[in-house]
Amino acid sequence: MSEKIKFHLDENVDPAIAAGLRRHGIDVTTTKEVGLLTKSDDEQLEFICATQRVIFTQDTDFLRIASYNQTHPGITYCQKGTRSIGEIVAGLTLIYEVFSPQEMIGQVEFL
């Protein structure tokens, strides 16, 4: 079986998104679950790099990080308030089904 994407959700992401992804059998962590609440974006970046997780964020700071760091395991972004929880879960599930972890390295996908 080929390797699949694992996600990490930034601290401002609704926890219902993690629940929705888990219902689809997708490996996901949240900032709260791994003890990174109130930690800097650089610390979040260190975590996703160490664990090879694609981060889902609604924080534009990660878009700036992506502009100077192309070695991250992948960033998925959605502007807050533009998509429903169901739409976000569907978008992330599609990314999970279409891309491999290797294909996401250094990439930013917008929902």
PDB file of N, CA and C in Angstrom:
ATOM      1  N   MET A   1       0.846  -1.187   0.000  1.00  0.00           N
ATOM      2  CA  MET A   1       0.000   0.000   0.000  1.00  0.00           C
ATOM      3  C   MET A   1       0.886   1.244   0.000  1.00  0.00           C
ATOM      4  N   SER A   2       0.518   2.223  -0.802  1.00  0.00           N
ATOM      5  CA  SER A   2       1.330   3.438  -0.883  1.00  0.00           C
ATOM      6  C   SER A   2       1.124   4.308   0.353  1.00  0.00           C
ATOM      7  N   GLU A   3       2.120   5.111   0.625  1.00  0.00           N
ATOM      8  CA  GLU A   3       2.077   6.018   1.751  1.00  0.00           C
ATOM      9  C   GLU A   3       1.003   7.078   1.521  1.00  0.00           C
ATOM     10  N   LYS A   4       0.319   7.484   2.578  1.00  0.00           N
ATOM     11  CA  LYS A   4      -0.751   8.470   2.483  1.00  0.00           C
ATOM     12  C   LYS A   4      -0.388   9.725   3.277  1.00  0.00           C
ATOM     13  N   ILE A   5      -0.990  10.815   2.896  1.00  0.00           N
ATOM     14  CA  ILE A   5      -0.800  12.088   3.596  1.00  0.00           C
ATOM     15  C   ILE A   5      -1.348  11.983   5.013  1.00  0.00           C
ATOM     16  N   LYS A   6      -0.631  12.600   5.944  1.00  0.00           N
ATOM     17  CA  LYS A   6      -1.116  12.791   7.308  1.00  0.00           C
ATOM     18  C   LYS A   6      -1.263  14.306   7.482  1.00  0.00           C
ATOM     19  N   PHE A   7      -2.328  14.725   8.136  1.00  0.00           N
ATOM     20  CA  PHE A   7      -2.583  16.150   8.326  1.00  0.00           C
ATOM     21  C   PHE A   7      -2.335  16.589   9.764  1.00  0.00           C
ATOM     22  N   HIS A   8      -2.057  17.869   9.896  1.00  0.00           N
ATOM     23  CA  HIS A   8      -2.003  18.542  11.190  1.00  0.00           C
ATOM     24  C   HIS A   8      -2.830  19.813  11.055  1.00  0.00           C
ATOM     25  N   LEU A   9      -3.707  20.081  12.022  1.00  0.00           N
ATOM     26  CA  LEU A   9      -4.559  21.263  11.978  1.00  0.00           C
ATOM     27  C   LEU A   9      -4.028  22.336  12.912  1.00  0.00           C
ATOM     28  N   ASP A  10      -3.878  23.535  12.376  1.00  0.00           N
ATOM     29  CA  ASP A  10      -3.424  24.694  13.127  1.00  0.00           C
ATOM     30  C   ASP A  10      -4.415  25.014  14.251  1.00  0.00           C
ATOM     31  N   GLU A  11      -3.987  25.783  15.228  1.00  0.00           N
ATOM     32  CA  GLU A  11      -4.787  25.975  16.443  1.00  0.00           C
ATOM     33  C   GLU A  11      -6.120  26.688  16.248  1.00  0.00           C
ATOM     34  N   ASN A  12      -6.281  27.470  15.199  1.00  0.00           N
ATOM     35  CA  ASN A  12      -7.540  28.196  15.001  1.00  0.00           C
ATOM     36  C   ASN A  12      -8.547  27.449  14.145  1.00  0.00           C
ATOM     37  N   VAL A  13      -8.233  26.224  13.794  1.00  0.00           N
ATOM     38  CA  VAL A  13      -9.120  25.410  12.959  1.00  0.00           C
ATOM     39  C   VAL A  13     -10.157  24.716  13.838  1.00  0.00           C
ATOM     40  N   ASP A  14     -11.406  24.726  13.390  1.00  0.00           N
ATOM     41  CA  ASP A  14     -12.501  24.092  14.122  1.00  0.00           C
ATOM     42  C   ASP A  14     -12.205  22.598  14.321  1.00  0.00           C
ATOM     43  N   PRO A  15     -12.298  22.090  15.555  1.00  0.00           N
ATOM     44  CA  PRO A  15     -12.027  20.669  15.818  1.00  0.00           C
ATOM     45  C   PRO A  15     -12.966  19.724  15.071  1.00  0.00           C
ATOM     46  N   ALA A  16     -14.104  20.223  14.620  1.00  0.00           N
ATOM     47  CA  ALA A  16     -15.023  19.380  13.846  1.00  0.00           C
ATOM     48  C   ALA A  16     -14.386  18.925  12.536  1.00  0.00           C
ATOM     49  N   ILE A  17     -13.415  19.681  12.043  1.00  0.00           N
ATOM     50  CA  ILE A  17     -12.718  19.289  10.816  1.00  0.00           C
ATOM     51  C   ILE A  17     -11.883  18.035  11.077  1.00  0.00           C
ATOM     52  N   ALA A  18     -11.207  17.993  12.219  1.00  0.00           N
ATOM     53  CA  ALA A  18     -10.443  16.785  12.580  1.00  0.00           C
ATOM     54  C   ALA A  18     -11.379  15.590  12.693  1.00  0.00           C
ATOM     55  N   ALA A  19     -12.523  15.787  13.325  1.00  0.00           N
ATOM     56  CA  ALA A  19     -13.485  14.688  13.471  1.00  0.00           C
ATOM     57  C   ALA A  19     -13.956  14.203  12.102  1.00  0.00           C
ATOM     58  N   GLY A  20     -14.223  15.132  11.203  1.00  0.00           N
ATOM     59  CA  GLY A  20     -14.665  14.753   9.861  1.00  0.00           C
ATOM     60  C   GLY A  20     -13.608  13.976   9.104  1.00  0.00           C
ATOM     61  N   LEU A  21     -12.359  14.417   9.200  1.00  0.00           N
ATOM     62  CA  LEU A  21     -11.274  13.696   8.525  1.00  0.00           C
ATOM     63  C   LEU A  21     -11.109  12.301   9.108  1.00  0.00           C
ATOM     64  N   ARG A  22     -11.210  12.191  10.408  1.00  0.00           N
ATOM     65  CA  ARG A  22     -11.063  10.876  11.054  1.00  0.00           C
ATOM     66  C   ARG A  22     -12.174   9.922  10.627  1.00  0.00           C
ATOM     67  N   ARG A  23     -13.369  10.441  10.385  1.00  0.00           N
ATOM     68  CA  ARG A  23     -14.459   9.582   9.895  1.00  0.00           C
ATOM     69  C   ARG A  23     -14.119   8.990   8.532  1.00  0.00           C
ATOM     70  N   HIS A  24     -13.241   9.659   7.796  1.00  0.00           N
ATOM     71  CA  HIS A  24     -12.788   9.158   6.497  1.00  0.00           C
ATOM     72  C   HIS A  24     -11.525   8.302   6.632  1.00  0.00           C
ATOM     73  N   GLY A  25     -11.111   8.039   7.867  1.00  0.00           N
ATOM     74  CA  GLY A  25      -9.937   7.197   8.095  1.00  0.00           C
ATOM     75  C   GLY A  25      -8.614   7.913   7.880  1.00  0.00           C
ATOM     76  N   ILE A  26      -8.621   9.237   7.935  1.00  0.00           N
ATOM     77  CA  ILE A  26      -7.419  10.029   7.681  1.00  0.00           C
ATOM     78  C   ILE A  26      -6.705  10.326   9.002  1.00  0.00           C
ATOM     79  N   ASP A  27      -5.407  10.133   9.016  1.00  0.00           N
ATOM     80  CA  ASP A  27      -4.559  10.398  10.178  1.00  0.00           C
ATOM     81  C   ASP A  27      -4.418  11.915  10.329  1.00  0.00           C
ATOM     82  N   VAL A  28      -4.871  12.447  11.453  1.00  0.00           N
ATOM     83  CA  VAL A  28      -4.826  13.890  11.678  1.00  0.00           C
ATOM     84  C   VAL A  28      -4.519  14.178  13.142  1.00  0.00           C
ATOM     85  N   THR A  29      -3.704  15.204  13.369  1.00  0.00           N
ATOM     86  CA  THR A  29      -3.456  15.713  14.717  1.00  0.00           C
ATOM     87  C   THR A  29      -3.911  17.166  14.745  1.00  0.00           C
ATOM     88  N   THR A  30      -4.130  17.666  15.949  1.00  0.00           N
ATOM     89  CA  THR A  30      -4.457  19.087  16.122  1.00  0.00           C
ATOM     90  C   THR A  30      -3.413  19.717  17.026  1.00  0.00           C
ATOM     91  N   THR A  31      -3.293  21.010  16.891  1.00  0.00           N
ATOM     92  CA  THR A  31      -2.333  21.760  17.711  1.00  0.00           C
ATOM     93  C   THR A  31      -2.600  21.524  19.194  1.00  0.00           C
ATOM     94  N   LYS A  32      -3.848  21.508  19.586  1.00  0.00           N
ATOM     95  CA  LYS A  32      -4.190  21.278  20.997  1.00  0.00           C
ATOM     96  C   LYS A  32      -3.762  19.889  21.447  1.00  0.00           C
ATOM     97  N   GLU A  33      -4.036  18.870  20.631  1.00  0.00           N
ATOM     98  CA  GLU A  33      -3.730  17.482  21.001  1.00  0.00           C
ATOM     99  C   GLU A  33      -2.240  17.244  21.213  1.00  0.00           C
ATOM    100  N   VAL A  34      -1.395  17.943  20.453  1.00  0.00           N
ATOM    101  CA  VAL A  34       0.048  17.696  20.547  1.00  0.00           C
ATOM    102  C   VAL A  34       0.768  18.729  21.416  1.00  0.00           C
ATOM    103  N   GLY A  35      -0.010  19.553  22.135  1.00  0.00           N
ATOM    104  CA  GLY A  35       0.579  20.480  23.098  1.00  0.00           C
ATOM    105  C   GLY A  35       1.262  21.692  22.491  1.00  0.00           C
ATOM    106  N   LEU A  36       0.781  22.145  21.336  1.00  0.00           N
ATOM    107  CA  LEU A  36       1.413  23.297  20.691  1.00  0.00           C
ATOM    108  C   LEU A  36       0.574  24.574  20.756  1.00  0.00           C
ATOM    109  N   LEU A  37      -0.486  24.576  21.580  1.00  0.00           N
ATOM    110  CA  LEU A  37      -1.285  25.803  21.722  1.00  0.00           C
ATOM    111  C   LEU A  37      -0.384  26.954  22.147  1.00  0.00           C
ATOM    112  N   THR A  38      -0.584  28.088  21.557  1.00  0.00           N
ATOM    113  CA  THR A  38       0.156  29.345  21.803  1.00  0.00           C
ATOM    114  C   THR A  38       1.613  29.300  21.337  1.00  0.00           C
ATOM    115  N   LYS A  39       2.031  28.214  20.697  1.00  0.00           N
ATOM    116  CA  LYS A  39       3.405  28.146  20.185  1.00  0.00           C
ATOM    117  C   LYS A  39       3.494  28.930  18.878  1.00  0.00           C
ATOM    118  N   SER A  40       4.694  29.325  18.546  1.00  0.00           N
ATOM    119  CA  SER A  40       4.918  30.141  17.351  1.00  0.00           C
ATOM    120  C   SER A  40       4.711  29.323  16.070  1.00  0.00           C
ATOM    121  N   ASP A  41       4.547  30.055  14.961  1.00  0.00           N
ATOM    122  CA  ASP A  41       4.435  29.390  13.664  1.00  0.00           C
ATOM    123  C   ASP A  41       5.696  28.584  13.358  1.00  0.00           C
ATOM    124  N   ASP A  42       6.855  29.095  13.777  1.00  0.00           N
ATOM    125  CA  ASP A  42       8.103  28.350  13.557  1.00  0.00           C
ATOM    126  C   ASP A  42       8.092  27.018  14.301  1.00  0.00           C
ATOM    127  N   GLU A  43       7.522  27.008  15.514  1.00  0.00           N
ATOM    128  CA  GLU A  43       7.427  25.754  16.270  1.00  0.00           C
ATOM    129  C   GLU A  43       6.433  24.793  15.620  1.00  0.00           C
ATOM    130  N   GLN A  44       5.350  25.347  15.081  1.00  0.00           N
ATOM    131  CA  GLN A  44       4.391  24.513  14.334  1.00  0.00           C
ATOM    132  C   GLN A  44       5.088  23.906  13.115  1.00  0.00           C
ATOM    133  N   LEU A  45       5.876  24.728  12.425  1.00  0.00           N
ATOM    134  CA  LEU A  45       6.614  24.273  11.249  1.00  0.00           C
ATOM    135  C   LEU A  45       7.591  23.159  11.623  1.00  0.00           C
ATOM    136  N   GLU A  46       8.291  23.315  12.729  1.00  0.00           N
ATOM    137  CA  GLU A  46       9.209  22.271  13.200  1.00  0.00           C
ATOM    138  C   GLU A  46       8.461  20.958  13.428  1.00  0.00           C
ATOM    139  N   PHE A  47       7.262  21.057  14.024  1.00  0.00           N
ATOM    140  CA  PHE A  47       6.466  19.857  14.298  1.00  0.00           C
ATOM    141  C   PHE A  47       6.063  19.164  13.000  1.00  0.00           C
ATOM    142  N   ILE A  48       5.534  19.921  12.036  1.00  0.00           N
ATOM    143  CA  ILE A  48       5.082  19.257  10.808  1.00  0.00           C
ATOM    144  C   ILE A  48       6.256  18.679  10.022  1.00  0.00           C
ATOM    145  N   CYS A  49       7.403  19.329  10.105  1.00  0.00           N
ATOM    146  CA  CYS A  49       8.584  18.792   9.423  1.00  0.00           C
ATOM    147  C   CYS A  49       9.069  17.509  10.097  1.00  0.00           C
ATOM    148  N   ALA A  50       9.076  17.504  11.419  1.00  0.00           N
ATOM    149  CA  ALA A  50       9.538  16.330  12.168  1.00  0.00           C
ATOM    150  C   ALA A  50       8.609  15.135  11.990  1.00  0.00           C
ATOM    151  N   THR A  51       7.307  15.405  11.854  1.00  0.00           N
ATOM    152  CA  THR A  51       6.328  14.319  11.759  1.00  0.00           C
ATOM    153  C   THR A  51       5.834  14.084  10.333  1.00  0.00           C
ATOM    154  N   GLN A  52       6.338  14.892   9.390  1.00  0.00           N
ATOM    155  CA  GLN A  52       5.942  14.791   7.973  1.00  0.00           C
ATOM    156  C   GLN A  52       4.428  14.859   7.800  1.00  0.00           C
ATOM    157  N   ARG A  53       3.850  15.906   8.378  1.00  0.00           N
ATOM    158  CA  ARG A  53       2.408  16.144   8.263  1.00  0.00           C
ATOM    159  C   ARG A  53       2.152  17.405   7.443  1.00  0.00           C
ATOM    160  N   VAL A  54       1.158  17.336   6.595  1.00  0.00           N
ATOM    161  CA  VAL A  54       0.699  18.502   5.837  1.00  0.00           C
ATOM    162  C   VAL A  54      -0.176  19.322   6.768  1.00  0.00           C
ATOM    163  N   ILE A  55       0.127  20.605   6.906  1.00  0.00           N
ATOM    164  CA  ILE A  55      -0.655  21.436   7.810  1.00  0.00           C
ATOM    165  C   ILE A  55      -1.847  22.033   7.076  1.00  0.00           C
ATOM    166  N   PHE A  56      -2.985  22.055   7.757  1.00  0.00           N
ATOM    167  CA  PHE A  56      -4.132  22.822   7.280  1.00  0.00           C
ATOM    168  C   PHE A  56      -4.241  24.034   8.184  1.00  0.00           C
ATOM    169  N   THR A  57      -4.285  25.202   7.570  1.00  0.00           N
ATOM    170  CA  THR A  57      -4.321  26.443   8.323  1.00  0.00           C
ATOM    171  C   THR A  57      -5.253  27.443   7.674  1.00  0.00           C
ATOM    172  N   GLN A  58      -5.678  28.389   8.467  1.00  0.00           N
ATOM    173  CA  GLN A  58      -6.441  29.532   7.968  1.00  0.00           C
ATOM    174  C   GLN A  58      -5.685  30.809   8.337  1.00  0.00           C
ATOM    175  N   ASP A  59      -4.399  30.651   8.568  1.00  0.00           N
ATOM    176  CA  ASP A  59      -3.488  31.708   8.988  1.00  0.00           C
ATOM    177  C   ASP A  59      -2.573  32.075   7.819  1.00  0.00           C
ATOM    178  N   THR A  60      -2.648  33.302   7.343  1.00  0.00           N
ATOM    179  CA  THR A  60      -1.836  33.717   6.193  1.00  0.00           C
ATOM    180  C   THR A  60      -0.345  33.727   6.501  1.00  0.00           C
ATOM    181  N   ASP A  61       0.035  33.694   7.770  1.00  0.00           N
ATOM    182  CA  ASP A  61       1.455  33.646   8.115  1.00  0.00           C
ATOM    183  C   ASP A  61       2.132  32.431   7.483  1.00  0.00           C
ATOM    184  N   PHE A  62       1.401  31.331   7.364  1.00  0.00           N
ATOM    185  CA  PHE A  62       1.990  30.137   6.754  1.00  0.00           C
ATOM    186  C   PHE A  62       2.219  30.315   5.259  1.00  0.00           C
ATOM    187  N   LEU A  63       1.465  31.192   4.634  1.00  0.00           N
ATOM    188  CA  LEU A  63       1.709  31.482   3.219  1.00  0.00           C
ATOM    189  C   LEU A  63       3.030  32.231   3.072  1.00  0.00           C
ATOM    190  N   ARG A  64       3.325  33.111   4.011  1.00  0.00           N
ATOM    191  CA  ARG A  64       4.626  33.798   4.003  1.00  0.00           C
ATOM    192  C   ARG A  64       5.756  32.799   4.255  1.00  0.00           C
ATOM    193  N   ILE A  65       5.555  31.900   5.189  1.00  0.00           N
ATOM    194  CA  ILE A  65       6.563  30.865   5.465  1.00  0.00           C
ATOM    195  C   ILE A  65       6.826  30.048   4.193  1.00  0.00           C
ATOM    196  N   ALA A  66       5.768  29.700   3.480  1.00  0.00           N
ATOM    197  CA  ALA A  66       5.906  28.902   2.259  1.00  0.00           C
ATOM    198  C   ALA A  66       6.701  29.637   1.186  1.00  0.00           C
ATOM    199  N   SER A  67       6.673  30.975   1.225  1.00  0.00           N
ATOM    200  CA  SER A  67       7.376  31.739   0.194  1.00  0.00           C
ATOM    201  C   SER A  67       8.892  31.672   0.361  1.00  0.00           C
ATOM    202  N   TYR A  68       9.366  31.393   1.565  1.00  0.00           N
ATOM    203  CA  TYR A  68      10.818  31.309   1.774  1.00  0.00           C
ATOM    204  C   TYR A  68      11.295  29.932   2.227  1.00  0.00           C
ATOM    205  N   ASN A  69      10.391  29.000   2.418  1.00  0.00           N
ATOM    206  CA  ASN A  69      10.773  27.655   2.862  1.00  0.00           C
ATOM    207  C   ASN A  69      10.042  26.633   2.001  1.00  0.00           C
ATOM    208  N   GLN A  70      10.739  26.053   1.062  1.00  0.00           N
ATOM    209  CA  GLN A  70      10.108  25.065   0.184  1.00  0.00           C
ATOM    210  C   GLN A  70      10.396  23.633   0.627  1.00  0.00           C
ATOM    211  N   THR A  71      10.890  23.448   1.838  1.00  0.00           N
ATOM    212  CA  THR A  71      11.177  22.095   2.316  1.00  0.00           C
ATOM    213  C   THR A  71      10.114  21.567   3.272  1.00  0.00           C
ATOM    214  N   HIS A  72       9.071  22.337   3.505  1.00  0.00           N
ATOM    215  CA  HIS A  72       7.999  21.879   4.401  1.00  0.00           C
ATOM    216  C   HIS A  72       7.229  20.735   3.739  1.00  0.00           C
ATOM    217  N   PRO A  73       6.528  19.917   4.541  1.00  0.00           N
ATOM    218  CA  PRO A  73       5.825  18.760   3.982  1.00  0.00           C
ATOM    219  C   PRO A  73       4.511  19.100   3.277  1.00  0.00           C
ATOM    220  N   GLY A  74       4.153  20.361   3.223  1.00  0.00           N
ATOM    221  CA  GLY A  74       2.947  20.782   2.526  1.00  0.00           C
ATOM    222  C   GLY A  74       2.062  21.652   3.397  1.00  0.00           C
ATOM    223  N   ILE A  75       1.417  22.601   2.751  1.00  0.00           N
ATOM    224  CA  ILE A  75       0.501  23.519   3.438  1.00  0.00           C
ATOM    225  C   ILE A  75      -0.802  23.520   2.666  1.00  0.00           C
ATOM    226  N   THR A  76      -1.903  23.363   3.379  1.00  0.00           N
ATOM    227  CA  THR A  76      -3.227  23.536   2.792  1.00  0.00           C
ATOM    228  C   THR A  76      -3.845  24.730   3.491  1.00  0.00           C
ATOM    229  N   TYR A  77      -4.461  25.601   2.694  1.00  0.00           N
ATOM    230  CA  TYR A  77      -4.940  26.874   3.234  1.00  0.00           C
ATOM    231  C   TYR A  77      -6.358  27.157   2.743  1.00  0.00           C
ATOM    232  N   CYS A  78      -7.137  27.736   3.642  1.00  0.00           N
ATOM    233  CA  CYS A  78      -8.473  28.217   3.313  1.00  0.00           C
ATOM    234  C   CYS A  78      -8.711  29.480   4.124  1.00  0.00           C
ATOM    235  N   GLN A  79      -9.109  30.536   3.458  1.00  0.00           N
ATOM    236  CA  GLN A  79      -9.417  31.770   4.180  1.00  0.00           C
ATOM    237  C   GLN A  79     -10.599  31.526   5.102  1.00  0.00           C
ATOM    238  N   LYS A  80     -10.469  31.956   6.346  1.00  0.00           N
ATOM    239  CA  LYS A  80     -11.497  31.741   7.360  1.00  0.00           C
ATOM    240  C   LYS A  80     -12.829  32.344   6.902  1.00  0.00           C
ATOM    241  N   GLY A  81     -13.883  31.575   7.082  1.00  0.00           N
ATOM    242  CA  GLY A  81     -15.227  32.051   6.779  1.00  0.00           C
ATOM    243  C   GLY A  81     -15.657  31.906   5.328  1.00  0.00           C
ATOM    244  N   THR A  82     -14.814  31.316   4.481  1.00  0.00           N
ATOM    245  CA  THR A  82     -15.174  31.194   3.064  1.00  0.00           C
ATOM    246  C   THR A  82     -15.698  29.811   2.692  1.00  0.00           C
ATOM    247  N   ARG A  83     -15.524  28.836   3.558  1.00  0.00           N
ATOM    248  CA  ARG A  83     -15.971  27.468   3.307  1.00  0.00           C
ATOM    249  C   ARG A  83     -16.611  26.897   4.564  1.00  0.00           C
ATOM    250  N   SER A  84     -17.578  26.026   4.370  1.00  0.00           N
ATOM    251  CA  SER A  84     -18.192  25.338   5.509  1.00  0.00           C
ATOM    252  C   SER A  84     -17.253  24.230   5.984  1.00  0.00           C
ATOM    253  N   ILE A  85     -17.527  23.708   7.158  1.00  0.00           N
ATOM    254  CA  ILE A  85     -16.742  22.588   7.683  1.00  0.00           C
ATOM    255  C   ILE A  85     -16.799  21.417   6.712  1.00  0.00           C
ATOM    256  N   GLY A  86     -17.976  21.117   6.195  1.00  0.00           N
ATOM    257  CA  GLY A  86     -18.124  20.026   5.236  1.00  0.00           C
ATOM    258  C   GLY A  86     -17.315  20.247   3.969  1.00  0.00           C
ATOM    259  N   GLU A  87     -17.277  21.482   3.477  1.00  0.00           N
ATOM    260  CA  GLU A  87     -16.493  21.784   2.279  1.00  0.00           C
ATOM    261  C   GLU A  87     -14.997  21.630   2.544  1.00  0.00           C
ATOM    262  N   ILE A  88     -14.562  22.044   3.725  1.00  0.00           N
ATOM    263  CA  ILE A  88     -13.145  21.900   4.072  1.00  0.00           C
ATOM    264  C   ILE A  88     -12.777  20.426   4.186  1.00  0.00           C
ATOM    265  N   VAL A  89     -13.603  19.655   4.874  1.00  0.00           N
ATOM    266  CA  VAL A  89     -13.335  18.215   5.004  1.00  0.00           C
ATOM    267  C   VAL A  89     -13.301  17.570   3.619  1.00  0.00           C
ATOM    268  N   ALA A  90     -14.235  17.921   2.754  1.00  0.00           N
ATOM    269  CA  ALA A  90     -14.259  17.358   1.399  1.00  0.00           C
ATOM    270  C   ALA A  90     -13.004  17.749   0.620  1.00  0.00           C
ATOM    271  N   GLY A  91     -12.573  18.992   0.741  1.00  0.00           N
ATOM    272  CA  GLY A  91     -11.375  19.453   0.041  1.00  0.00           C
ATOM    273  C   GLY A  91     -10.125  18.752   0.528  1.00  0.00           C
ATOM    274  N   LEU A  92      -9.984  18.607   1.839  1.00  0.00           N
ATOM    275  CA  LEU A  92      -8.814  17.925   2.394  1.00  0.00           C
ATOM    276  C   LEU A  92      -8.836  16.436   2.057  1.00  0.00           C
ATOM    277  N   THR A  93     -10.020  15.849   2.041  1.00  0.00           N
ATOM    278  CA  THR A  93     -10.144  14.436   1.669  1.00  0.00           C
ATOM    279  C   THR A  93      -9.725  14.238   0.212  1.00  0.00           C
ATOM    280  N   LEU A  94     -10.100  15.157  -0.647  1.00  0.00           N
ATOM    281  CA  LEU A  94      -9.694  15.075  -2.052  1.00  0.00           C
ATOM    282  C   LEU A  94      -8.169  15.162  -2.180  1.00  0.00           C
ATOM    283  N   ILE A  95      -7.565  16.092  -1.463  1.00  0.00           N
ATOM    284  CA  ILE A  95      -6.100  16.200  -1.465  1.00  0.00           C
ATOM    285  C   ILE A  95      -5.483  14.889  -0.991  1.00  0.00           C
ATOM    286  N   TYR A  96      -6.032  14.316   0.065  1.00  0.00           N
ATOM    287  CA  TYR A  96      -5.563  13.041   0.613  1.00  0.00           C
ATOM    288  C   TYR A  96      -5.640  11.932  -0.439  1.00  0.00           C
ATOM    289  N   GLU A  97      -6.713  11.925  -1.214  1.00  0.00           N
ATOM    290  CA  GLU A  97      -6.923  10.867  -2.195  1.00  0.00           C
ATOM    291  C   GLU A  97      -6.083  11.047  -3.463  1.00  0.00           C
ATOM    292  N   VAL A  98      -5.745  12.291  -3.800  1.00  0.00           N
ATOM    293  CA  VAL A  98      -5.093  12.578  -5.078  1.00  0.00           C
ATOM    294  C   VAL A  98      -3.570  12.664  -4.975  1.00  0.00           C
ATOM    295  N   PHE A  99      -3.071  13.270  -3.893  1.00  0.00           N
ATOM    296  CA  PHE A  99      -1.640  13.535  -3.769  1.00  0.00           C
ATOM    297  C   PHE A  99      -0.960  12.547  -2.829  1.00  0.00           C
ATOM    298  N   SER A 100       0.297  12.279  -3.116  1.00  0.00           N
ATOM    299  CA  SER A 100       1.124  11.514  -2.186  1.00  0.00           C
ATOM    300  C   SER A 100       1.850  12.512  -1.286  1.00  0.00           C
ATOM    301  N   PRO A 101       2.381  12.045  -0.152  1.00  0.00           N
ATOM    302  CA  PRO A 101       3.161  12.949   0.696  1.00  0.00           C
ATOM    303  C   PRO A 101       4.335  13.582  -0.068  1.00  0.00           C
ATOM    304  N   GLN A 102       4.973  12.819  -0.941  1.00  0.00           N
ATOM    305  CA  GLN A 102       6.109  13.345  -1.703  1.00  0.00           C
ATOM    306  C   GLN A 102       5.677  14.468  -2.645  1.00  0.00           C
ATOM    307  N   GLU A 103       4.494  14.346  -3.212  1.00  0.00           N
ATOM    308  CA  GLU A 103       3.991  15.373  -4.126  1.00  0.00           C
ATOM    309  C   GLU A 103       3.627  16.673  -3.405  1.00  0.00           C
ATOM    310  N   MET A 104       3.378  16.592  -2.118  1.00  0.00           N
ATOM    311  CA  MET A 104       2.996  17.780  -1.350  1.00  0.00           C
ATOM    312  C   MET A 104       4.200  18.565  -0.822  1.00  0.00           C
ATOM    313  N   ILE A 105       5.386  17.984  -0.825  1.00  0.00           N
ATOM    314  CA  ILE A 105       6.558  18.665  -0.269  1.00  0.00           C
ATOM    315  C   ILE A 105       6.766  20.004  -0.961  1.00  0.00           C
ATOM    316  N   GLY A 106       6.810  21.060  -0.148  1.00  0.00           N
ATOM    317  CA  GLY A 106       7.038  22.404  -0.648  1.00  0.00           C
ATOM    318  C   GLY A 106       5.849  23.044  -1.338  1.00  0.00           C
ATOM    319  N   GLN A 107       4.709  22.348  -1.370  1.00  0.00           N
ATOM    320  CA  GLN A 107       3.536  22.843  -2.093  1.00  0.00           C
ATOM    321  C   GLN A 107       2.538  23.520  -1.156  1.00  0.00           C
ATOM    322  N   VAL A 108       1.758  24.417  -1.740  1.00  0.00           N
ATOM    323  CA  VAL A 108       0.617  25.039  -1.049  1.00  0.00           C
ATOM    324  C   VAL A 108      -0.605  24.753  -1.888  1.00  0.00           C
ATOM    325  N   GLU A 109      -1.615  24.178  -1.257  1.00  0.00           N
ATOM    326  CA  GLU A 109      -2.899  23.921  -1.921  1.00  0.00           C
ATOM    327  C   GLU A 109      -3.962  24.785  -1.258  1.00  0.00           C
ATOM    328  N   PHE A 110      -4.721  25.483  -2.070  1.00  0.00           N
ATOM    329  CA  PHE A 110      -5.775  26.369  -1.579  1.00  0.00           C
ATOM    330  C   PHE A 110      -7.131  25.692  -1.716  1.00  0.00           C
ATOM    331  N   LEU A 111      -7.944  25.801  -0.668  1.00  0.00           N
ATOM    332  CA  LEU A 111      -9.316  25.262  -0.729  1.00  0.00           C
ATOM    333  C   LEU A 111     -10.260  26.403  -1.055  1.00  0.00           C
TER     334      LEU A 111
END
